[in-house]
């Protein structure tokens, strides 16, 4: 099963996991605490999934777009946005995650998606091309872990990240004002997994 097929199948029940919902709320809160949100901002949620973060941020910004490779996840997000009367634009990404993500945006956010991306350094360079001058990123993902976070059947590219490596990739992509802090700690099967929030501004 491909990663896209896995997420398509999981979309309908994704939000039933309290751990996932709590993690998304914590990440959205961390983004709002770090980035001044306003109705003037145009935002992209890269790897939006069912929109747990997207819909938390939507009432606080001017316009928001959710981008994902999983049609099933995007369908669920679209249904939830309609039910909540929240306008959300949807972009279906190609399997390489490197398709046209639209924009330009004032802010690109992402939660627990980077570890599914093969070339994160290249992705950060792509983000700079879709941000307005002075635009920002706020990217949450796992600290380095032993591989126990994901089921053995789940295809991932990274077992979390070194915070120093994230900072280096952002700097090499042309970002400045880089900050990496703990957003939250999520638990799975009794084990703690720290989640960082990396924020930076396009130079």
C-alpha atoms as a PDB file:
ATOM      1  CA  UNK A   1       0.000   0.000   0.000  1.00  0.00           C
ATOM      2  CA  UNK A   2       1.323   3.429  -0.908  1.00  0.00           C
ATOM      3  CA  UNK A   3       1.361   6.296   1.559  1.00  0.00           C
ATOM      4  CA  UNK A   4      -1.432   8.007  -0.371  1.00  0.00           C
ATOM      5  CA  UNK A   5      -3.604   4.873  -0.263  1.00  0.00           C
ATOM      6  CA  UNK A   6      -2.983   4.550   3.481  1.00  0.00           C
ATOM      7  CA  UNK A   7      -4.149   8.101   4.138  1.00  0.00           C
ATOM      8  CA  UNK A   8      -7.107   7.774   1.769  1.00  0.00           C
ATOM      9  CA  UNK A   9      -8.317   4.756   3.723  1.00  0.00           C
ATOM     10  CA  UNK A  10      -7.656   6.422   7.073  1.00  0.00           C
ATOM     11  CA  UNK A  11      -9.337   9.738   6.237  1.00  0.00           C
ATOM     12  CA  UNK A  12     -12.864   8.856   7.371  1.00  0.00           C
ATOM     13  CA  UNK A  13     -11.754   7.843  10.875  1.00  0.00           C
ATOM     14  CA  UNK A  14      -8.635   9.994  11.271  1.00  0.00           C
ATOM     15  CA  UNK A  15     -10.219  12.508  13.618  1.00  0.00           C
ATOM     16  CA  UNK A  16     -11.503   9.804  15.973  1.00  0.00           C
ATOM     17  CA  UNK A  17      -8.064   9.474  17.561  1.00  0.00           C
ATOM     18  CA  UNK A  18      -8.030  11.853  20.527  1.00  0.00           C
ATOM     19  CA  UNK A  19      -4.225  11.944  20.439  1.00  0.00           C
ATOM     20  CA  UNK A  20      -4.217  13.334  16.898  1.00  0.00           C
ATOM     21  CA  UNK A  21      -6.835  15.951  17.678  1.00  0.00           C
ATOM     22  CA  UNK A  22      -4.998  17.082  20.810  1.00  0.00           C
ATOM     23  CA  UNK A  23      -1.703  17.266  18.916  1.00  0.00           C
ATOM     24  CA  UNK A  24      -3.241  19.381  16.159  1.00  0.00           C
ATOM     25  CA  UNK A  25      -4.797  21.771  18.687  1.00  0.00           C
ATOM     26  CA  UNK A  26      -1.449  22.116  20.462  1.00  0.00           C
ATOM     27  CA  UNK A  27       0.365  22.828  17.205  1.00  0.00           C
ATOM     28  CA  UNK A  28      -2.234  25.410  16.158  1.00  0.00           C
ATOM     29  CA  UNK A  29      -1.897  27.078  19.556  1.00  0.00           C
ATOM     30  CA  UNK A  30       1.902  27.100  19.235  1.00  0.00           C
ATOM     31  CA  UNK A  31       1.661  28.680  15.769  1.00  0.00           C
ATOM     32  CA  UNK A  32      -0.705  31.373  17.057  1.00  0.00           C
ATOM     33  CA  UNK A  33       1.618  32.072  19.990  1.00  0.00           C
ATOM     34  CA  UNK A  34       4.657  32.456  17.732  1.00  0.00           C
ATOM     35  CA  UNK A  35       3.149  34.131  14.629  1.00  0.00           C
ATOM     36  CA  UNK A  36       0.889  37.207  14.890  1.00  0.00           C
ATOM     37  CA  UNK A  37      -2.219  36.019  13.032  1.00  0.00           C
ATOM     38  CA  UNK A  38      -4.576  38.497  11.407  1.00  0.00           C
ATOM     39  CA  UNK A  39      -7.331  38.721   8.810  1.00  0.00           C
ATOM     40  CA  UNK A  40      -4.763  40.200   6.405  1.00  0.00           C
ATOM     41  CA  UNK A  41      -2.816  36.942   6.103  1.00  0.00           C
ATOM     42  CA  UNK A  42      -3.016  34.444   3.259  1.00  0.00           C
ATOM     43  CA  UNK A  43      -1.970  31.029   4.562  1.00  0.00           C
ATOM     44  CA  UNK A  44      -1.063  27.596   3.199  1.00  0.00           C
ATOM     45  CA  UNK A  45      -1.315  24.445   5.325  1.00  0.00           C
ATOM     46  CA  UNK A  46       1.083  22.052   3.590  1.00  0.00           C
ATOM     47  CA  UNK A  47       0.148  18.422   4.201  1.00  0.00           C
ATOM     48  CA  UNK A  48      -3.149  19.489   5.705  1.00  0.00           C
ATOM     49  CA  UNK A  49      -4.678  16.035   6.090  1.00  0.00           C
ATOM     50  CA  UNK A  50      -8.251  16.302   7.355  1.00  0.00           C
ATOM     51  CA  UNK A  51      -7.666  19.927   8.270  1.00  0.00           C
ATOM     52  CA  UNK A  52      -7.329  19.705  12.042  1.00  0.00           C
ATOM     53  CA  UNK A  53      -4.827  22.582  12.007  1.00  0.00           C
ATOM     54  CA  UNK A  54      -6.324  24.267   8.932  1.00  0.00           C
ATOM     55  CA  UNK A  55      -9.728  24.733  10.521  1.00  0.00           C
ATOM     56  CA  UNK A  56      -8.238  25.938  13.806  1.00  0.00           C
ATOM     57  CA  UNK A  57      -6.409  28.713  11.961  1.00  0.00           C
ATOM     58  CA  UNK A  58      -9.087  29.546   9.378  1.00  0.00           C
ATOM     59  CA  UNK A  59     -11.154  31.966  11.544  1.00  0.00           C
ATOM     60  CA  UNK A  60      -8.000  33.832  12.551  1.00  0.00           C
ATOM     61  CA  UNK A  61      -6.631  34.596   9.057  1.00  0.00           C
ATOM     62  CA  UNK A  62      -7.847  36.143   5.843  1.00  0.00           C
ATOM     63  CA  UNK A  63      -7.655  33.136   3.530  1.00  0.00           C
ATOM     64  CA  UNK A  64      -6.329  29.614   3.946  1.00  0.00           C
ATOM     65  CA  UNK A  65      -5.452  26.826   1.515  1.00  0.00           C
ATOM     66  CA  UNK A  66      -5.029  23.163   2.402  1.00  0.00           C
ATOM     67  CA  UNK A  67      -2.647  21.110   0.241  1.00  0.00           C
ATOM     68  CA  UNK A  68      -2.222  17.342   0.436  1.00  0.00           C
ATOM     69  CA  UNK A  69      -1.393  14.303  -1.699  1.00  0.00           C
ATOM     70  CA  UNK A  70      -4.381  12.316  -0.375  1.00  0.00           C
ATOM     71  CA  UNK A  71      -7.706  12.892  -2.165  1.00  0.00           C
ATOM     72  CA  UNK A  72      -9.477  11.197   0.735  1.00  0.00           C
ATOM     73  CA  UNK A  73      -8.018  13.602   3.268  1.00  0.00           C
ATOM     74  CA  UNK A  74      -8.882  16.615   1.094  1.00  0.00           C
ATOM     75  CA  UNK A  75     -12.453  15.333   0.649  1.00  0.00           C
ATOM     76  CA  UNK A  76     -12.861  15.060   4.425  1.00  0.00           C
ATOM     77  CA  UNK A  77     -11.428  18.543   4.928  1.00  0.00           C
ATOM     78  CA  UNK A  78     -13.761  19.976   2.293  1.00  0.00           C
ATOM     79  CA  UNK A  79     -16.785  18.407   3.981  1.00  0.00           C
ATOM     80  CA  UNK A  80     -15.747  19.684   7.412  1.00  0.00           C
ATOM     81  CA  UNK A  81     -15.073  23.196   6.106  1.00  0.00           C
ATOM     82  CA  UNK A  82     -18.473  23.314   4.426  1.00  0.00           C
ATOM     83  CA  UNK A  83     -20.207  22.103   7.593  1.00  0.00           C
ATOM     84  CA  UNK A  84     -18.477  24.829   9.596  1.00  0.00           C
ATOM     85  CA  UNK A  85     -19.062  27.493   6.907  1.00  0.00           C
ATOM     86  CA  UNK A  86     -15.322  28.133   6.689  1.00  0.00           C
ATOM     87  CA  UNK A  87     -13.948  28.948   3.239  1.00  0.00           C
ATOM     88  CA  UNK A  88     -10.917  26.735   2.555  1.00  0.00           C
ATOM     89  CA  UNK A  89      -9.253  26.386  -0.836  1.00  0.00           C
ATOM     90  CA  UNK A  90      -7.942  22.894  -1.595  1.00  0.00           C
ATOM     91  CA  UNK A  91      -4.884  21.879  -3.648  1.00  0.00           C
ATOM     92  CA  UNK A  92      -4.189  18.263  -4.600  1.00  0.00           C
ATOM     93  CA  UNK A  93      -0.438  17.685  -4.655  1.00  0.00           C
ATOM     94  CA  UNK A  94       1.269  15.162  -6.895  1.00  0.00           C
ATOM     95  CA  UNK A  95       2.972  12.156  -5.340  1.00  0.00           C
ATOM     96  CA  UNK A  96       6.362  13.877  -5.245  1.00  0.00           C
ATOM     97  CA  UNK A  97       4.916  16.613  -2.986  1.00  0.00           C
ATOM     98  CA  UNK A  98       6.699  19.091  -5.221  1.00  0.00           C
ATOM     99  CA  UNK A  99       3.834  20.290  -7.373  1.00  0.00           C
ATOM    100  CA  UNK A 100       2.538  23.830  -7.702  1.00  0.00           C
ATOM    101  CA  UNK A 101       1.353  24.889  -4.260  1.00  0.00           C
ATOM    102  CA  UNK A 102      -0.076  28.217  -5.399  1.00  0.00           C
ATOM    103  CA  UNK A 103       0.389  31.496  -3.613  1.00  0.00           C
ATOM    104  CA  UNK A 104       2.045  33.784  -2.977  1.00  0.00           C
ATOM    105  CA  UNK A 105       1.350  33.338   0.731  1.00  0.00           C
ATOM    106  CA  UNK A 106       2.145  35.347   3.815  1.00  0.00           C
ATOM    107  CA  UNK A 107       2.499  32.210   5.919  1.00  0.00           C
ATOM    108  CA  UNK A 108       3.094  28.511   5.244  1.00  0.00           C
ATOM    109  CA  UNK A 109       2.345  26.117   8.081  1.00  0.00           C
ATOM    110  CA  UNK A 110       2.751  22.369   8.345  1.00  0.00           C
ATOM    111  CA  UNK A 111       2.104  19.811  11.064  1.00  0.00           C
ATOM    112  CA  UNK A 112       3.595  16.313  11.157  1.00  0.00           C
ATOM    113  CA  UNK A 113       4.190  16.245   7.411  1.00  0.00           C
ATOM    114  CA  UNK A 114       7.922  16.847   6.948  1.00  0.00           C
ATOM    115  CA  UNK A 115       8.886  13.298   7.942  1.00  0.00           C
ATOM    116  CA  UNK A 116       6.863  12.039   4.977  1.00  0.00           C
ATOM    117  CA  UNK A 117       8.845  14.229   2.537  1.00  0.00           C
ATOM    118  CA  UNK A 118      11.974  12.721   0.993  1.00  0.00           C
ATOM    119  CA  UNK A 119      13.889  15.957   0.299  1.00  0.00           C
ATOM    120  CA  UNK A 120      13.025  18.434   3.031  1.00  0.00           C
ATOM    121  CA  UNK A 121      15.827  20.811   2.059  1.00  0.00           C
ATOM    122  CA  UNK A 122      14.386  21.112  -1.455  1.00  0.00           C
ATOM    123  CA  UNK A 123      10.910  21.640   0.003  1.00  0.00           C
ATOM    124  CA  UNK A 124      12.164  24.595   2.048  1.00  0.00           C
ATOM    125  CA  UNK A 125      13.631  26.123  -1.118  1.00  0.00           C
ATOM    126  CA  UNK A 126      10.248  25.622  -2.782  1.00  0.00           C
ATOM    127  CA  UNK A 127       8.510  27.374   0.088  1.00  0.00           C
ATOM    128  CA  UNK A 128      10.588  30.505  -0.511  1.00  0.00           C
ATOM    129  CA  UNK A 129       9.267  30.636  -4.073  1.00  0.00           C
ATOM    130  CA  UNK A 130       5.664  30.680  -2.847  1.00  0.00           C
ATOM    131  CA  UNK A 131       6.032  33.194  -0.031  1.00  0.00           C
ATOM    132  CA  UNK A 132       5.758  36.934  -0.342  1.00  0.00           C
ATOM    133  CA  UNK A 133       8.897  38.874   0.635  1.00  0.00           C
ATOM    134  CA  UNK A 134       9.027  38.778   4.409  1.00  0.00           C
ATOM    135  CA  UNK A 135       6.596  35.858   4.508  1.00  0.00           C
ATOM    136  CA  UNK A 136       6.960  33.275   7.227  1.00  0.00           C
ATOM    137  CA  UNK A 137       6.884  29.543   7.856  1.00  0.00           C
ATOM    138  CA  UNK A 138       5.758  27.698  10.986  1.00  0.00           C
ATOM    139  CA  UNK A 139       6.543  23.999  10.675  1.00  0.00           C
ATOM    140  CA  UNK A 140       5.875  21.350  13.323  1.00  0.00           C
ATOM    141  CA  UNK A 141       7.262  17.830  13.366  1.00  0.00           C
ATOM    142  CA  UNK A 142       8.890  15.190  15.520  1.00  0.00           C
ATOM    143  CA  UNK A 143      12.253  15.428  17.172  1.00  0.00           C
ATOM    144  CA  UNK A 144      14.529  12.545  16.241  1.00  0.00           C
ATOM    145  CA  UNK A 145      12.991   9.303  17.507  1.00  0.00           C
ATOM    146  CA  UNK A 146      13.800   5.587  17.407  1.00  0.00           C
ATOM    147  CA  UNK A 147      11.245   4.677  14.758  1.00  0.00           C
ATOM    148  CA  UNK A 148       8.618   3.515  17.251  1.00  0.00           C
ATOM    149  CA  UNK A 149       6.221   6.377  16.513  1.00  0.00           C
ATOM    150  CA  UNK A 150       4.972   4.905  13.236  1.00  0.00           C
ATOM    151  CA  UNK A 151       3.489   1.527  12.485  1.00  0.00           C
ATOM    152  CA  UNK A 152       5.946  -0.737  10.647  1.00  0.00           C
ATOM    153  CA  UNK A 153       3.700  -0.708   7.571  1.00  0.00           C
ATOM    154  CA  UNK A 154       3.857   3.081   7.253  1.00  0.00           C
ATOM    155  CA  UNK A 155       6.374   4.314   4.693  1.00  0.00           C
ATOM    156  CA  UNK A 156       8.212   7.337   6.064  1.00  0.00           C
ATOM    157  CA  UNK A 157      11.403   9.079   4.990  1.00  0.00           C
ATOM    158  CA  UNK A 158      12.616  10.394   8.351  1.00  0.00           C
ATOM    159  CA  UNK A 159      12.429   9.261  11.967  1.00  0.00           C
ATOM    160  CA  UNK A 160      11.988  12.808  13.126  1.00  0.00           C
ATOM    161  CA  UNK A 161      14.659  15.479  12.814  1.00  0.00           C
ATOM    162  CA  UNK A 162      17.560  17.091  14.552  1.00  0.00           C
ATOM    163  CA  UNK A 163      16.588  20.676  15.353  1.00  0.00           C
ATOM    164  CA  UNK A 164      20.043  21.796  14.194  1.00  0.00           C
ATOM    165  CA  UNK A 165      19.426  20.137  10.815  1.00  0.00           C
ATOM    166  CA  UNK A 166      16.086  21.922  10.428  1.00  0.00           C
ATOM    167  CA  UNK A 167      17.784  25.240  11.215  1.00  0.00           C
ATOM    168  CA  UNK A 168      20.529  24.532   8.672  1.00  0.00           C
ATOM    169  CA  UNK A 169      18.062  23.658   5.922  1.00  0.00           C
ATOM    170  CA  UNK A 170      16.017  26.786   6.591  1.00  0.00           C
ATOM    171  CA  UNK A 171      19.126  28.984   6.543  1.00  0.00           C
ATOM    172  CA  UNK A 172      20.343  27.412   3.297  1.00  0.00           C
ATOM    173  CA  UNK A 173      16.910  28.060   1.739  1.00  0.00           C
ATOM    174  CA  UNK A 174      17.272  31.776   2.497  1.00  0.00           C
ATOM    175  CA  UNK A 175      15.247  32.073   5.696  1.00  0.00           C
ATOM    176  CA  UNK A 176      16.209  34.299   8.613  1.00  0.00           C
ATOM    177  CA  UNK A 177      14.920  34.933  12.146  1.00  0.00           C
ATOM    178  CA  UNK A 178      14.932  31.156  12.589  1.00  0.00           C
ATOM    179  CA  UNK A 179      13.544  29.797  15.837  1.00  0.00           C
ATOM    180  CA  UNK A 180      13.017  26.169  16.824  1.00  0.00           C
ATOM    181  CA  UNK A 181      11.140  25.491  20.043  1.00  0.00           C
ATOM    182  CA  UNK A 182       9.054  22.754  21.618  1.00  0.00           C
ATOM    183  CA  UNK A 183       5.434  23.035  20.486  1.00  0.00           C
ATOM    184  CA  UNK A 184       4.114  20.130  22.531  1.00  0.00           C
ATOM    185  CA  UNK A 185       4.822  16.587  23.622  1.00  0.00           C
ATOM    186  CA  UNK A 186       2.562  13.928  22.178  1.00  0.00           C
ATOM    187  CA  UNK A 187       2.138  10.497  23.705  1.00  0.00           C
ATOM    188  CA  UNK A 188       1.708   7.189  21.948  1.00  0.00           C
ATOM    189  CA  UNK A 189       1.457   3.860  23.750  1.00  0.00           C
ATOM    190  CA  UNK A 190       2.768   5.442  26.928  1.00  0.00           C
ATOM    191  CA  UNK A 191       5.850   6.989  25.349  1.00  0.00           C
ATOM    192  CA  UNK A 192       6.560  10.720  25.036  1.00  0.00           C
ATOM    193  CA  UNK A 193       7.494  12.208  21.656  1.00  0.00           C
ATOM    194  CA  UNK A 194       8.541  15.889  21.626  1.00  0.00           C
ATOM    195  CA  UNK A 195       7.224  17.938  18.702  1.00  0.00           C
ATOM    196  CA  UNK A 196       9.092  21.084  17.629  1.00  0.00           C
ATOM    197  CA  UNK A 197       7.838  24.223  15.913  1.00  0.00           C
ATOM    198  CA  UNK A 198      10.316  25.789  13.518  1.00  0.00           C
ATOM    199  CA  UNK A 199       9.477  29.362  12.513  1.00  0.00           C
ATOM    200  CA  UNK A 200      11.401  31.597  10.150  1.00  0.00           C
ATOM    201  CA  UNK A 201      11.021  34.545   7.811  1.00  0.00           C
ATOM    202  CA  UNK A 202      11.832  34.644   4.122  1.00  0.00           C
ATOM    203  CA  UNK A 203      14.884  36.837   3.575  1.00  0.00           C
END
